[in-house]
C-alpha atoms as a PDB file:
ATOM      1  CA  MET A   1       3.293  27.749 -68.549  1.00  0.00           C
ATOM      2  CA  ALA A   2      -0.183  26.548 -69.463  1.00  0.00           C
ATOM      3  CA  ASN A   3      -2.871  28.964 -70.595  1.00  0.00           C
ATOM      4  CA  ILE A   4      -6.629  28.917 -70.861  1.00  0.00           C
ATOM      5  CA  ASN A   5      -6.549  27.780 -74.486  1.00  0.00           C
ATOM      6  CA  GLU A   6      -4.525  24.687 -73.578  1.00  0.00           C
ATOM      7  CA  ILE A   7      -6.875  23.894 -70.686  1.00  0.00           C
ATOM      8  CA  ALA A   8      -9.855  24.122 -73.014  1.00  0.00           C
ATOM      9  CA  ALA A   9      -8.206  21.901 -75.630  1.00  0.00           C
ATOM     10  CA  LEU A  10      -7.227  19.232 -73.103  1.00  0.00           C
ATOM     11  CA  ALA A  11     -10.713  19.243 -71.620  1.00  0.00           C
ATOM     12  CA  GLY A  12     -12.386  19.170 -75.001  1.00  0.00           C
ATOM     13  CA  VAL A  13     -14.484  22.257 -74.260  1.00  0.00           C
ATOM     14  CA  SER A  14     -14.588  25.854 -75.359  1.00  0.00           C
ATOM     15  CA  LYS A  15     -12.519  28.609 -73.832  1.00  0.00           C
ATOM     16  CA  ALA A  16     -15.767  30.203 -72.632  1.00  0.00           C
ATOM     17  CA  THR A  17     -16.636  27.037 -70.680  1.00  0.00           C
ATOM     18  CA  VAL A  18     -13.276  27.096 -68.917  1.00  0.00           C
ATOM     19  CA  SER A  19     -13.784  30.780 -68.119  1.00  0.00           C
ATOM     20  CA  ASN A  20     -17.241  30.055 -66.697  1.00  0.00           C
ATOM     21  CA  VAL A  21     -15.763  27.407 -64.394  1.00  0.00           C
ATOM     22  CA  PHE A  22     -13.357  30.033 -63.042  1.00  0.00           C
ATOM     23  CA  THR A  23     -15.823  32.945 -62.773  1.00  0.00           C
ATOM     24  CA  GLN A  24     -18.916  30.854 -61.920  1.00  0.00           C
ATOM     25  CA  LYS A  25     -20.994  33.337 -63.904  1.00  0.00           C
ATOM     26  CA  LYS A  26     -22.710  30.597 -65.897  1.00  0.00           C
ATOM     27  CA  TYR A  27     -23.602  27.019 -64.998  1.00  0.00           C
ATOM     28  CA  VAL A  28     -21.152  24.288 -65.908  1.00  0.00           C
ATOM     29  CA  SER A  29     -21.938  20.680 -65.007  1.00  0.00           C
ATOM     30  CA  PRO A  30     -20.122  19.139 -62.028  1.00  0.00           C
ATOM     31  CA  GLU A  31     -18.558  16.520 -64.303  1.00  0.00           C
ATOM     32  CA  VAL A  32     -17.046  19.097 -66.660  1.00  0.00           C
ATOM     33  CA  THR A  33     -16.013  21.331 -63.754  1.00  0.00           C
ATOM     34  CA  LYS A  34     -14.211  18.446 -62.081  1.00  0.00           C
ATOM     35  CA  LYS A  35     -12.413  17.551 -65.309  1.00  0.00           C
ATOM     36  CA  ILE A  36     -11.257  21.129 -65.889  1.00  0.00           C
ATOM     37  CA  MET A  37     -10.081  21.550 -62.290  1.00  0.00           C
ATOM     38  CA  GLU A  38      -8.130  18.266 -62.446  1.00  0.00           C
ATOM     39  CA  ILE A  39      -6.348  19.477 -65.580  1.00  0.00           C
ATOM     40  CA  CYS A  40      -5.591  22.846 -63.936  1.00  0.00           C
ATOM     41  CA  ASP A  41      -4.232  21.093 -60.888  1.00  0.00           C
ATOM     42  CA  ARG A  42      -2.082  18.737 -62.952  1.00  0.00           C
ATOM     43  CA  LEU A  43      -0.588  21.652 -64.891  1.00  0.00           C
ATOM     44  CA  ASN A  44      -0.422  23.897 -61.779  1.00  0.00           C
ATOM     45  CA  TYR A  45      -2.474  26.486 -63.677  1.00  0.00           C
ATOM     46  CA  ARG A  46      -3.932  29.520 -61.945  1.00  0.00           C
ATOM     47  CA  PRO A  47      -5.925  32.201 -63.810  1.00  0.00           C
ATOM     48  CA  SER A  48      -3.962  35.371 -64.308  1.00  0.00           C
ATOM     49  CA  LEU A  49      -5.032  38.338 -62.273  1.00  0.00           C
ATOM     50  CA  LEU A  50      -3.508  40.510 -64.974  1.00  0.00           C
ATOM     51  CA  ALA A  51      -6.000  39.109 -67.466  1.00  0.00           C
ATOM     52  CA  SER A  52      -8.889  40.183 -65.240  1.00  0.00           C
ATOM     53  CA  GLY A  53      -7.461  43.652 -64.831  1.00  0.00           C
ATOM     54  CA  LEU A  54      -6.911  43.266 -61.110  1.00  0.00           C
ATOM     55  CA  ALA A  55      -3.160  43.011 -60.926  1.00  0.00           C
ATOM     56  CA  THR A  56      -2.563  46.750 -60.748  1.00  0.00           C
ATOM     57  CA  ARG A  57      -4.844  47.431 -57.797  1.00  0.00           C
ATOM     58  CA  LYS A  58      -5.706  45.957 -54.422  1.00  0.00           C
ATOM     59  CA  THR A  59      -9.213  44.893 -53.594  1.00  0.00           C
ATOM     60  CA  ASN A  60      -8.981  45.926 -49.932  1.00  0.00           C
ATOM     61  CA  ILE A  61     -10.869  42.727 -49.102  1.00  0.00           C
ATOM     62  CA  ILE A  62      -9.571  40.109 -46.663  1.00  0.00           C
ATOM     63  CA  GLY A  63     -10.984  36.628 -46.354  1.00  0.00           C
ATOM     64  CA  LEU A  64     -12.045  35.356 -42.942  1.00  0.00           C
ATOM     65  CA  PHE A  65     -12.185  31.561 -43.073  1.00  0.00           C
ATOM     66  CA  LEU A  66     -14.133  30.161 -40.168  1.00  0.00           C
ATOM     67  CA  GLY A  67     -14.274  26.426 -39.292  1.00  0.00           C
ATOM     68  CA  ASN A  68     -13.777  23.915 -42.101  1.00  0.00           C
ATOM     69  CA  ARG A  69     -16.683  21.651 -41.108  1.00  0.00           C
ATOM     70  CA  ARG A  70     -20.092  21.968 -42.770  1.00  0.00           C
ATOM     71  CA  ASN A  71     -22.796  23.744 -40.751  1.00  0.00           C
ATOM     72  CA  GLU A  72     -20.291  24.558 -37.994  1.00  0.00           C
ATOM     73  CA  TYR A  73     -21.117  27.895 -36.397  1.00  0.00           C
ATOM     74  CA  TYR A  74     -20.474  29.017 -32.843  1.00  0.00           C
ATOM     75  CA  HIS A  75     -21.733  31.850 -30.704  1.00  0.00           C
ATOM     76  CA  PHE A  76     -18.273  33.365 -30.365  1.00  0.00           C
ATOM     77  CA  TYR A  77     -18.046  33.888 -34.133  1.00  0.00           C
ATOM     78  CA  GLY A  78     -20.162  37.008 -33.641  1.00  0.00           C
ATOM     79  CA  ASP A  79     -17.536  38.666 -31.406  1.00  0.00           C
ATOM     80  CA  LEU A  80     -14.750  37.557 -33.730  1.00  0.00           C
ATOM     81  CA  ILE A  81     -16.405  38.805 -36.941  1.00  0.00           C
ATOM     82  CA  ARG A  82     -17.328  42.108 -35.353  1.00  0.00           C
ATOM     83  CA  ALA A  83     -13.777  42.676 -34.161  1.00  0.00           C
ATOM     84  CA  VAL A  84     -12.301  41.786 -37.564  1.00  0.00           C
ATOM     85  CA  ALA A  85     -14.701  44.161 -39.300  1.00  0.00           C
ATOM     86  CA  MET A  86     -14.052  47.059 -36.885  1.00  0.00           C
ATOM     87  CA  LYS A  87     -10.273  46.623 -36.836  1.00  0.00           C
ATOM     88  CA  GLY A  88     -10.225  46.108 -40.583  1.00  0.00           C
ATOM     89  CA  ASP A  89     -12.000  49.422 -41.052  1.00  0.00           C
ATOM     90  CA  GLU A  90      -9.117  51.155 -39.261  1.00  0.00           C
ATOM     91  CA  PHE A  91      -6.788  49.763 -41.944  1.00  0.00           C
ATOM     92  CA  GLY A  92      -9.176  50.434 -44.835  1.00  0.00           C
ATOM     93  CA  VAL A  93     -10.087  46.800 -45.500  1.00  0.00           C
ATOM     94  CA  ARG A  94     -13.296  44.825 -45.126  1.00  0.00           C
ATOM     95  CA  PRO A  95     -13.794  41.120 -44.482  1.00  0.00           C
ATOM     96  CA  MET A  96     -15.358  38.497 -46.761  1.00  0.00           C
ATOM     97  CA  ILE A  97     -16.688  35.694 -44.552  1.00  0.00           C
ATOM     98  CA  TYR A  98     -16.289  32.079 -45.654  1.00  0.00           C
ATOM     99  CA  VAL A  99     -18.215  29.269 -43.968  1.00  0.00           C
ATOM    100  CA  ASN A 100     -18.799  25.607 -44.850  1.00  0.00           C
ATOM    101  CA  MET A 101     -15.368  25.530 -46.518  1.00  0.00           C
ATOM    102  CA  ASP A 102     -15.205  21.772 -46.002  1.00  0.00           C
ATOM    103  CA  ASP A 103     -14.173  20.757 -49.512  1.00  0.00           C
ATOM    104  CA  PRO A 104     -10.699  21.352 -51.026  1.00  0.00           C
ATOM    105  CA  GLU A 105     -12.176  21.541 -54.525  1.00  0.00           C
ATOM    106  CA  LYS A 106     -14.682  24.159 -53.439  1.00  0.00           C
ATOM    107  CA  MET A 107     -11.923  26.352 -52.023  1.00  0.00           C
ATOM    108  CA  LYS A 108      -9.702  25.798 -55.062  1.00  0.00           C
ATOM    109  CA  ARG A 109     -12.493  26.937 -57.389  1.00  0.00           C
ATOM    110  CA  MET A 110     -13.160  29.977 -55.225  1.00  0.00           C
ATOM    111  CA  LEU A 111      -9.517  31.050 -55.231  1.00  0.00           C
ATOM    112  CA  THR A 112      -8.871  30.358 -58.907  1.00  0.00           C
ATOM    113  CA  SER A 113     -12.091  31.975 -60.174  1.00  0.00           C
ATOM    114  CA  ASN A 114     -11.046  35.503 -59.172  1.00  0.00           C
ATOM    115  CA  ALA A 115     -14.776  36.134 -58.702  1.00  0.00           C
ATOM    116  CA  GLU A 116     -14.015  37.088 -55.088  1.00  0.00           C
ATOM    117  CA  PRO A 117     -10.361  38.245 -55.092  1.00  0.00           C
ATOM    118  CA  ILE A 118      -8.855  38.835 -51.674  1.00  0.00           C
ATOM    119  CA  ASP A 119      -5.666  40.592 -50.673  1.00  0.00           C
ATOM    120  CA  GLY A 120      -5.052  38.320 -47.703  1.00  0.00           C
ATOM    121  CA  ALA A 121      -6.769  35.953 -45.319  1.00  0.00           C
ATOM    122  CA  ILE A 122      -7.325  35.007 -41.689  1.00  0.00           C
ATOM    123  CA  VAL A 123      -7.854  31.279 -41.081  1.00  0.00           C
ATOM    124  CA  LEU A 124      -9.515  30.047 -37.891  1.00  0.00           C
ATOM    125  CA  THR A 125      -8.884  26.691 -36.126  1.00  0.00           C
ATOM    126  CA  PRO A 126      -6.155  25.155 -38.285  1.00  0.00           C
ATOM    127  CA  ALA A 127      -5.849  21.380 -38.602  1.00  0.00           C
ATOM    128  CA  GLU A 128      -2.576  19.453 -38.688  1.00  0.00           C
ATOM    129  CA  HIS A 129      -2.930  19.010 -42.463  1.00  0.00           C
ATOM    130  CA  ASP A 130      -5.238  21.826 -43.493  1.00  0.00           C
ATOM    131  CA  PHE A 131      -6.180  22.151 -47.171  1.00  0.00           C
ATOM    132  CA  ARG A 132      -7.122  25.799 -46.613  1.00  0.00           C
ATOM    133  CA  ILE A 133      -3.494  26.575 -45.766  1.00  0.00           C
ATOM    134  CA  ASP A 134      -2.239  24.525 -48.718  1.00  0.00           C
ATOM    135  CA  GLU A 135      -4.509  26.319 -51.203  1.00  0.00           C
ATOM    136  CA  LEU A 136      -3.663  29.798 -49.924  1.00  0.00           C
ATOM    137  CA  GLN A 137       0.038  29.012 -50.191  1.00  0.00           C
ATOM    138  CA  LYS A 138      -0.387  27.688 -53.750  1.00  0.00           C
ATOM    139  CA  ASP A 139      -2.056  30.962 -54.737  1.00  0.00           C
ATOM    140  CA  ARG A 140       0.524  33.030 -52.843  1.00  0.00           C
ATOM    141  CA  ILE A 141      -2.154  34.789 -50.806  1.00  0.00           C
ATOM    142  CA  PRO A 142      -0.737  36.191 -47.558  1.00  0.00           C
ATOM    143  CA  PHE A 143      -2.531  34.860 -44.503  1.00  0.00           C
ATOM    144  CA  VAL A 144      -2.490  34.694 -40.719  1.00  0.00           C
ATOM    145  CA  LEU A 145      -3.793  31.828 -38.578  1.00  0.00           C
ATOM    146  CA  ILE A 146      -5.845  32.040 -35.412  1.00  0.00           C
ATOM    147  CA  GLY A 147      -4.290  28.927 -33.893  1.00  0.00           C
ATOM    148  CA  ASN A 148      -0.791  27.553 -34.391  1.00  0.00           C
ATOM    149  CA  PRO A 149       0.195  25.824 -37.665  1.00  0.00           C
ATOM    150  CA  GLY A 150       1.214  22.571 -35.942  1.00  0.00           C
ATOM    151  CA  GLU A 151       3.693  20.047 -37.256  1.00  0.00           C
ATOM    152  CA  GLY A 152       1.889  19.560 -40.567  1.00  0.00           C
ATOM    153  CA  HIS A 153       2.771  23.057 -41.841  1.00  0.00           C
ATOM    154  CA  ASP A 154       5.665  25.511 -41.935  1.00  0.00           C
ATOM    155  CA  SER A 155       6.354  26.880 -38.432  1.00  0.00           C
ATOM    156  CA  ARG A 156       7.103  30.281 -40.012  1.00  0.00           C
ATOM    157  CA  ILE A 157       3.424  30.814 -40.892  1.00  0.00           C
ATOM    158  CA  PRO A 158       2.268  33.880 -38.893  1.00  0.00           C
ATOM    159  CA  TYR A 159      -0.293  33.134 -36.203  1.00  0.00           C
ATOM    160  CA  VAL A 160      -2.024  34.512 -33.136  1.00  0.00           C
ATOM    161  CA  ASP A 161      -3.397  32.141 -30.556  1.00  0.00           C
ATOM    162  CA  VAL A 162      -4.782  31.593 -27.103  1.00  0.00           C
ATOM    163  CA  ASP A 163      -2.130  30.052 -24.863  1.00  0.00           C
ATOM    164  CA  ASN A 164      -3.927  26.687 -24.890  1.00  0.00           C
ATOM    165  CA  GLU A 165      -1.064  24.799 -23.338  1.00  0.00           C
ATOM    166  CA  LEU A 166      -0.903  27.126 -20.340  1.00  0.00           C
ATOM    167  CA  THR A 167      -4.705  27.305 -20.078  1.00  0.00           C
ATOM    168  CA  THR A 168      -5.001  23.517 -19.882  1.00  0.00           C
ATOM    169  CA  GLU A 169      -2.138  23.272 -17.413  1.00  0.00           C
ATOM    170  CA  GLU A 170      -3.770  25.870 -15.163  1.00  0.00           C
ATOM    171  CA  MET A 171      -7.251  24.308 -15.335  1.00  0.00           C
ATOM    172  CA  THR A 172      -5.854  20.840 -14.564  1.00  0.00           C
ATOM    173  CA  THR A 173      -3.816  22.293 -11.704  1.00  0.00           C
ATOM    174  CA  TYR A 174      -7.005  23.952 -10.440  1.00  0.00           C
ATOM    175  CA  LEU A 175      -8.340  20.421  -9.945  1.00  0.00           C
ATOM    176  CA  THR A 176      -5.139  18.829  -8.524  1.00  0.00           C
ATOM    177  CA  GLN A 177      -4.957  21.588  -5.918  1.00  0.00           C
ATOM    178  CA  ARG A 178      -8.401  20.460  -4.774  1.00  0.00           C
ATOM    179  CA  GLY A 179      -7.155  16.928  -4.272  1.00  0.00           C
ATOM    180  CA  HIS A 180      -8.225  15.311  -7.545  1.00  0.00           C
ATOM    181  CA  ARG A 181      -5.853  12.728  -8.992  1.00  0.00           C
ATOM    182  CA  ARG A 182      -7.959  10.743 -11.461  1.00  0.00           C
ATOM    183  CA  ILE A 183      -8.721  13.512 -13.949  1.00  0.00           C
ATOM    184  CA  ILE A 184     -10.255  12.912 -17.386  1.00  0.00           C
ATOM    185  CA  LEU A 185      -9.297  15.111 -20.329  1.00  0.00           C
ATOM    186  CA  VAL A 186     -11.953  15.525 -23.014  1.00  0.00           C
ATOM    187  CA  ASN A 187      -9.763  17.112 -25.668  1.00  0.00           C
ATOM    188  CA  SER A 188     -10.627  18.712 -29.019  1.00  0.00           C
ATOM    189  CA  GLN A 189     -10.724  16.790 -32.297  1.00  0.00           C
ATOM    190  CA  SER A 190      -7.520  14.823 -32.720  1.00  0.00           C
ATOM    191  CA  ASN A 191      -6.620  16.456 -36.043  1.00  0.00           C
ATOM    192  CA  LEU A 192      -6.619  20.028 -34.704  1.00  0.00           C
ATOM    193  CA  THR A 193      -3.369  21.688 -33.652  1.00  0.00           C
ATOM    194  CA  ILE A 194      -5.038  22.971 -30.467  1.00  0.00           C
ATOM    195  CA  SER A 195      -5.380  19.368 -29.248  1.00  0.00           C
ATOM    196  CA  ASN A 196      -1.604  18.856 -29.082  1.00  0.00           C
ATOM    197  CA  ASP A 197      -1.201  22.032 -27.023  1.00  0.00           C
ATOM    198  CA  ARG A 198      -3.956  21.001 -24.638  1.00  0.00           C
ATOM    199  CA  LEU A 199      -2.565  17.505 -24.125  1.00  0.00           C
ATOM    200  CA  THR A 200       0.886  18.971 -23.404  1.00  0.00           C
ATOM    201  CA  GLY A 201      -0.591  21.296 -20.775  1.00  0.00           C
ATOM    202  CA  TYR A 202      -2.552  18.460 -19.161  1.00  0.00           C
ATOM    203  CA  LEU A 203       0.580  16.286 -18.927  1.00  0.00           C
ATOM    204  CA  LYS A 204       2.592  19.164 -17.421  1.00  0.00           C
ATOM    205  CA  ALA A 205       0.031  19.632 -14.684  1.00  0.00           C
ATOM    206  CA  LEU A 206       0.050  15.918 -13.842  1.00  0.00           C
ATOM    207  CA  ARG A 207       3.844  15.747 -13.719  1.00  0.00           C
ATOM    208  CA  LYS A 208       3.996  18.676 -11.307  1.00  0.00           C
ATOM    209  CA  VAL A 209       2.203  16.578  -8.674  1.00  0.00           C
ATOM    210  CA  ASP A 210       3.702  13.194  -9.622  1.00  0.00           C
ATOM    211  CA  ILE A 211       0.524  11.768 -11.190  1.00  0.00           C
ATOM    212  CA  ASP A 212       1.269   9.071 -13.767  1.00  0.00           C
ATOM    213  CA  PHE A 213      -0.335   9.586 -17.161  1.00  0.00           C
ATOM    214  CA  ASP A 214      -3.176   7.158 -17.913  1.00  0.00           C
ATOM    215  CA  PRO A 215      -4.122   7.300 -21.624  1.00  0.00           C
ATOM    216  CA  THR A 216      -7.506   5.678 -20.891  1.00  0.00           C
ATOM    217  CA  LEU A 217      -8.486   8.985 -19.287  1.00  0.00           C
ATOM    218  CA  VAL A 218      -8.126  10.955 -22.552  1.00  0.00           C
ATOM    219  CA  PHE A 219     -11.064  11.379 -24.965  1.00  0.00           C
ATOM    220  CA  ASN A 220     -11.765  13.599 -27.968  1.00  0.00           C
ATOM    221  CA  GLY A 221     -14.896  15.677 -28.450  1.00  0.00           C
ATOM    222  CA  GLN A 222     -16.345  17.631 -31.358  1.00  0.00           C
ATOM    223  CA  ASN A 223     -17.090  20.918 -29.544  1.00  0.00           C
ATOM    224  CA  ASN A 224     -20.829  20.307 -29.485  1.00  0.00           C
ATOM    225  CA  THR A 225     -23.438  18.989 -27.093  1.00  0.00           C
ATOM    226  CA  GLU A 226     -23.992  15.700 -28.892  1.00  0.00           C
ATOM    227  CA  SER A 227     -20.334  14.741 -28.690  1.00  0.00           C
ATOM    228  CA  GLY A 228     -20.491  15.538 -24.964  1.00  0.00           C
ATOM    229  CA  ARG A 229     -23.330  13.065 -24.569  1.00  0.00           C
ATOM    230  CA  GLN A 230     -21.362  10.414 -26.467  1.00  0.00           C
ATOM    231  CA  VAL A 231     -18.206  10.922 -24.387  1.00  0.00           C
ATOM    232  CA  ALA A 232     -20.246  10.826 -21.177  1.00  0.00           C
ATOM    233  CA  GLN A 233     -21.652   7.428 -22.160  1.00  0.00           C
ATOM    234  CA  LEU A 234     -18.122   6.144 -22.829  1.00  0.00           C
ATOM    235  CA  ILE A 235     -16.881   7.426 -19.481  1.00  0.00           C
ATOM    236  CA  LEU A 236     -19.737   5.722 -17.616  1.00  0.00           C
ATOM    237  CA  ARG A 237     -19.282   2.402 -19.455  1.00  0.00           C
ATOM    238  CA  ARG A 238     -15.582   2.239 -18.666  1.00  0.00           C
ATOM    239  CA  SER A 239     -15.810   2.789 -14.876  1.00  0.00           C
ATOM    240  CA  LEU A 240     -12.619   4.825 -14.787  1.00  0.00           C
ATOM    241  CA  GLY A 241     -12.775   5.862 -11.156  1.00  0.00           C
ATOM    242  CA  ALA A 242     -12.272   9.519 -12.056  1.00  0.00           C
ATOM    243  CA  THR A 243     -13.402  12.357  -9.782  1.00  0.00           C
ATOM    244  CA  ALA A 244     -12.932  15.259 -12.206  1.00  0.00           C
ATOM    245  CA  ILE A 245     -13.082  16.176 -15.889  1.00  0.00           C
ATOM    246  CA  VAL A 246     -11.299  18.844 -17.930  1.00  0.00           C
ATOM    247  CA  VAL A 247     -13.519  19.316 -20.993  1.00  0.00           C
ATOM    248  CA  GLU A 248     -12.761  21.103 -24.250  1.00  0.00           C
ATOM    249  CA  SER A 249     -15.705  23.550 -24.211  1.00  0.00           C
ATOM    250  CA  ASP A 250     -18.908  24.474 -22.420  1.00  0.00           C
ATOM    251  CA  LEU A 251     -20.938  23.065 -25.331  1.00  0.00           C
ATOM    252  CA  THR A 252     -19.371  19.621 -24.854  1.00  0.00           C
ATOM    253  CA  ALA A 253     -19.779  20.033 -21.091  1.00  0.00           C
ATOM    254  CA  GLN A 254     -23.484  20.611 -21.617  1.00  0.00           C
ATOM    255  CA  GLY A 255     -23.787  17.079 -23.081  1.00  0.00           C
ATOM    256  CA  LEU A 256     -21.846  15.650 -20.129  1.00  0.00           C
ATOM    257  CA  PHE A 257     -24.138  17.416 -17.653  1.00  0.00           C
ATOM    258  CA  GLU A 258     -27.261  16.057 -19.372  1.00  0.00           C
ATOM    259  CA  VAL A 259     -26.122  12.422 -19.318  1.00  0.00           C
ATOM    260  CA  PHE A 260     -24.747  12.600 -15.790  1.00  0.00           C
ATOM    261  CA  ALA A 261     -28.011  14.105 -14.517  1.00  0.00           C
ATOM    262  CA  GLY A 262     -29.961  11.326 -16.184  1.00  0.00           C
ATOM    263  CA  MET A 263     -27.783   8.735 -14.453  1.00  0.00           C
ATOM    264  CA  GLY A 264     -28.056  10.397 -11.022  1.00  0.00           C
ATOM    265  CA  ILE A 265     -24.430  11.589 -11.046  1.00  0.00           C
ATOM    266  CA  ARG A 266     -24.275  14.925  -9.258  1.00  0.00           C
ATOM    267  CA  ILE A 267     -21.985  17.803 -10.175  1.00  0.00           C
ATOM    268  CA  PRO A 268     -19.868  18.631  -8.253  1.00  0.00           C
ATOM    269  CA  GLU A 269     -20.712  16.161  -5.461  1.00  0.00           C
ATOM    270  CA  ASP A 270     -19.865  13.095  -7.547  1.00  0.00           C
ATOM    271  CA  MET A 271     -17.867  14.622 -10.419  1.00  0.00           C
ATOM    272  CA  SER A 272     -16.108  17.981 -10.734  1.00  0.00           C
ATOM    273  CA  VAL A 273     -15.997  19.578 -14.187  1.00  0.00           C
ATOM    274  CA  VAL A 274     -13.995  22.471 -15.629  1.00  0.00           C
ATOM    275  CA  SER A 275     -14.032  23.746 -19.188  1.00  0.00           C
ATOM    276  CA  LEU A 276     -11.228  25.027 -21.407  1.00  0.00           C
ATOM    277  CA  GLY A 277     -13.571  27.385 -23.198  1.00  0.00           C
ATOM    278  CA  GLY A 278     -16.794  29.314 -22.582  1.00  0.00           C
ATOM    279  CA  ASP A 279     -18.980  30.095 -25.591  1.00  0.00           C
ATOM    280  CA  SER A 280     -22.634  30.379 -24.686  1.00  0.00           C
ATOM    281  CA  ALA A 281     -23.565  27.655 -22.192  1.00  0.00           C
ATOM    282  CA  TYR A 282     -21.324  28.001 -19.159  1.00  0.00           C
ATOM    283  CA  LEU A 283     -23.605  30.435 -17.314  1.00  0.00           C
ATOM    284  CA  SER A 284     -26.824  28.596 -18.115  1.00  0.00           C
ATOM    285  CA  LEU A 285     -25.709  25.187 -16.855  1.00  0.00           C
ATOM    286  CA  THR A 286     -26.738  23.983 -13.398  1.00  0.00           C
ATOM    287  CA  PRO A 287     -24.475  24.297 -11.539  1.00  0.00           C
ATOM    288  CA  THR A 288     -22.675  27.094 -13.353  1.00  0.00           C
ATOM    289  CA  LEU A 289     -19.548  25.811 -15.057  1.00  0.00           C
ATOM    290  CA  THR A 290     -16.028  26.802 -14.004  1.00  0.00           C
ATOM    291  CA  ALA A 291     -14.389  27.771 -17.293  1.00  0.00           C
ATOM    292  CA  ALA A 292     -11.395  29.425 -18.941  1.00  0.00           C
ATOM    293  CA  LEU A 293     -12.762  32.268 -21.043  1.00  0.00           C
ATOM    294  CA  GLN A 294     -11.119  33.617 -24.189  1.00  0.00           C
ATOM    295  CA  ASP A 295     -11.276  37.175 -25.520  1.00  0.00           C
ATOM    296  CA  TYR A 296     -12.362  36.466 -29.083  1.00  0.00           C
ATOM    297  CA  ALA A 297     -12.545  40.160 -29.913  1.00  0.00           C
ATOM    298  CA  GLN A 298      -8.899  40.559 -28.988  1.00  0.00           C
ATOM    299  CA  LEU A 299      -8.025  37.527 -31.086  1.00  0.00           C
ATOM    300  CA  GLY A 300      -9.788  39.013 -34.094  1.00  0.00           C
ATOM    301  CA  GLU A 301      -8.247  42.457 -33.681  1.00  0.00           C
ATOM    302  CA  THR A 302      -4.755  41.030 -33.253  1.00  0.00           C
ATOM    303  CA  ALA A 303      -5.105  38.780 -36.303  1.00  0.00           C
ATOM    304  CA  VAL A 304      -6.098  41.774 -38.462  1.00  0.00           C
ATOM    305  CA  ALA A 305      -3.129  43.764 -37.154  1.00  0.00           C
ATOM    306  CA  ALA A 306      -0.792  40.875 -37.992  1.00  0.00           C
ATOM    307  CA  LEU A 307      -2.251  40.548 -41.481  1.00  0.00           C
ATOM    308  CA  ASN A 308      -1.965  44.294 -42.054  1.00  0.00           C
ATOM    309  CA  ASP A 309       1.723  44.144 -41.095  1.00  0.00           C
ATOM    310  CA  LEU A 310       2.186  41.210 -43.479  1.00  0.00           C
ATOM    311  CA  LEU A 311       0.447  43.013 -46.345  1.00  0.00           C
ATOM    312  CA  SER A 312       2.533  46.129 -45.643  1.00  0.00           C
ATOM    313  CA  GLY A 313       5.729  44.168 -46.139  1.00  0.00           C
ATOM    314  CA  ALA A 314       6.741  43.842 -42.503  1.00  0.00           C
ATOM    315  CA  PRO A 315       8.730  40.696 -41.592  1.00  0.00           C
ATOM    316  CA  VAL A 316       5.957  38.719 -39.849  1.00  0.00           C
ATOM    317  CA  SER A 317       6.843  35.108 -39.096  1.00  0.00           C
ATOM    318  CA  GLY A 318       5.716  32.501 -36.595  1.00  0.00           C
ATOM    319  CA  GLN A 319       4.051  33.512 -33.346  1.00  0.00           C
ATOM    320  CA  TYR A 320       2.752  37.088 -33.551  1.00  0.00           C
ATOM    321  CA  ALA A 321       0.874  37.182 -30.239  1.00  0.00           C
ATOM    322  CA  MET A 322      -0.229  34.784 -27.506  1.00  0.00           C
ATOM    323  CA  ILE A 323      -3.360  35.735 -25.591  1.00  0.00           C
ATOM    324  CA  ARG A 324      -4.104  34.622 -22.034  1.00  0.00           C
ATOM    325  CA  SER A 325      -7.438  33.147 -20.922  1.00  0.00           C
ATOM    326  CA  ARG A 326      -9.208  34.309 -17.767  1.00  0.00           C
ATOM    327  CA  LEU A 327     -10.840  32.126 -15.158  1.00  0.00           C
ATOM    328  CA  PHE A 328     -14.576  32.187 -14.506  1.00  0.00           C
ATOM    329  CA  GLU A 329     -15.129  30.327 -11.256  1.00  0.00           C
ATOM    330  CA  GLY A 330     -18.512  28.646 -11.236  1.00  0.00           C
ATOM    331  CA  ALA A 331     -19.932  26.025  -8.885  1.00  0.00           C
ATOM    332  CA  SER A 332     -18.974  22.844 -10.758  1.00  0.00           C
ATOM    333  CA  CYS A 333     -15.989  21.785  -8.606  1.00  0.00           C
ATOM    334  CA  LYS A 334     -15.418  20.559  -5.050  1.00  0.00           C
ATOM    335  CA  ASP A 335     -12.460  19.509  -2.948  1.00  0.00           C
ATOM    336  CA  VAL A 336     -11.823  15.797  -2.364  1.00  0.00           C
END
């Protein structure tokens, strides 16, 4: 197995420089850092925890990895972080929060440096092929997902999740029971595992009332107001003849509302809208938005409990818990 002396020799630098790349205690140029990390990756080298004197004790720190897109932060993170911290305290651990983890190299350096050693991790909003999962597995760090691992990862990875398939089925059925048959789905990003669950639930609801699936009625948002505006413009340009929309979140719905209002399209008189999530906007919209609400505190607490079981040696595999959404009935829908 490779060691730090071999890494230094292959990179043509001193052992101290290699160590500084791992610990990040002193500046090393991006070019040299990249070269050293590429060599480490090629040789599958990870710094020894024994060498840093950490192998014989736990840190009692767990990593909480939020979204993997830069500058992505949502209102519900507050409830989630608070719940993880409070539940973690019961088990004698505290969370280290990671944001803007949008670069595989950045995460690799963080994990291999041992500057912030963690006993385990909770990973939010997994993608179909998520480098955060890959890097944690390479470093043999136990972890739990909030969201299912999808087809791109081992189904045995422990996870807790909202029942997104059932939530979408119920919200779509909420519309079909009011007579709507041309229903648009504004789904999440196509690379997220949640999007597959939501599409499945949408299709189930259509099949129950013999509505043929029309793929032109499915769009993808980015869980923000700007993407809602963009999707609204697409919907209007395509003249789809829809009477209702199931949208990924209240933030995306906010963008829809703005564009529709500007075009004289009334909600719910001309278009009914329901949301699959309520973060911060559903009550402030006019009219108030009918939405499925998630208990993010319960998600956080349950994820910590699952991770504690995993760290304690319990056989935790696959689905640990599935949490139901609750309906908030606003004024954004009408019968047709």
